[in-house]
C-alpha cells in the first residue's frame, strides 16, 4: 500500500467511539458541543466559559424549604401567642392597632387610610383579628407543633 491510499485501516474498538455520548459526569459544551466534564468552568476545546447550573441541588432545595417552613412557623407562633383579649379590645377602639398587633401591617395601613375605624371597623376588625389568630393556631396544630 502506498501513502496515498485512503483505505481505512481496521482498529480495535476500545470504546473511544462512544466519546460523543456524555456519561453521567459529563455534559456538552454550550458553544462548540464537545463532551466535557460537568464541573468544567471552561471548555478545553474552544475555551468558552460554561454557564453555571441554574438548577439547585436537592440539598439546596431542602434547606430552602426548611428555612421557609421555619420562617412561616415563627410567624404563625407570633400571631397565635398574642393575647386575644388585648388584641380584640385594641381592635374595637383603635382598629388599625389591632391589625398591627398581630403583624398585619398592610391591613392596618389600609384600615387607617380608608378611615374604616369610623365606619364598620369597630364591629368587624375585632372578629377578623380573632379569626386570624385562630387560623394561625389551627395551622400550627395541623403541622404538629406542640402546645397549640
Foldseek 3Di string as FASTA:
>chain_A
DDPPDPDDDDDDCPPVVVQLPEDPQWDAAPPPGHIDGLPDQADPPPGDGGDNDPDDDPVVVVVVVVVVVVVLLVLLVQLLPDDLVVLLVCQLQQVLVSCVSSPNNVVSVVCVVVVVSVPCRNVPRSVVSVVSNVVSVVVCVVVPNPDD
